[in-house]
Amino acid sequence: MISIAAFPAIKVLSLALIYKLAAAILQPLGGGPIISCLDVISKSVLYIFAALAVVSLMFFFSITVIITAGNLTIMMK
């Protein structure tokens, strides 16, 4: 069940790393608006990663509550 949330999180985090790496590689070639644009994109993707992490945590909590509620009737017997 962890892989359900881990795979997209790793994918988004690697995308942010790629944008940050592209901005770092292009920096010595000349400062331009494309470098600042890549940096802003990488920061935005990191915000998306943070939102994904919070939603994944809420997903795990909701699954736990559903499983606990389902087993509650069995535990009452």
Foldseek 3Di string as FASTA:
>chain_A
DVCVLVVVLVVLLVVLVVLLVVLVVCPVVDDDPVSVVSPVVSVVSVVVSVVSVVVVVVVVVVVVVVVCVVCVVVVVD
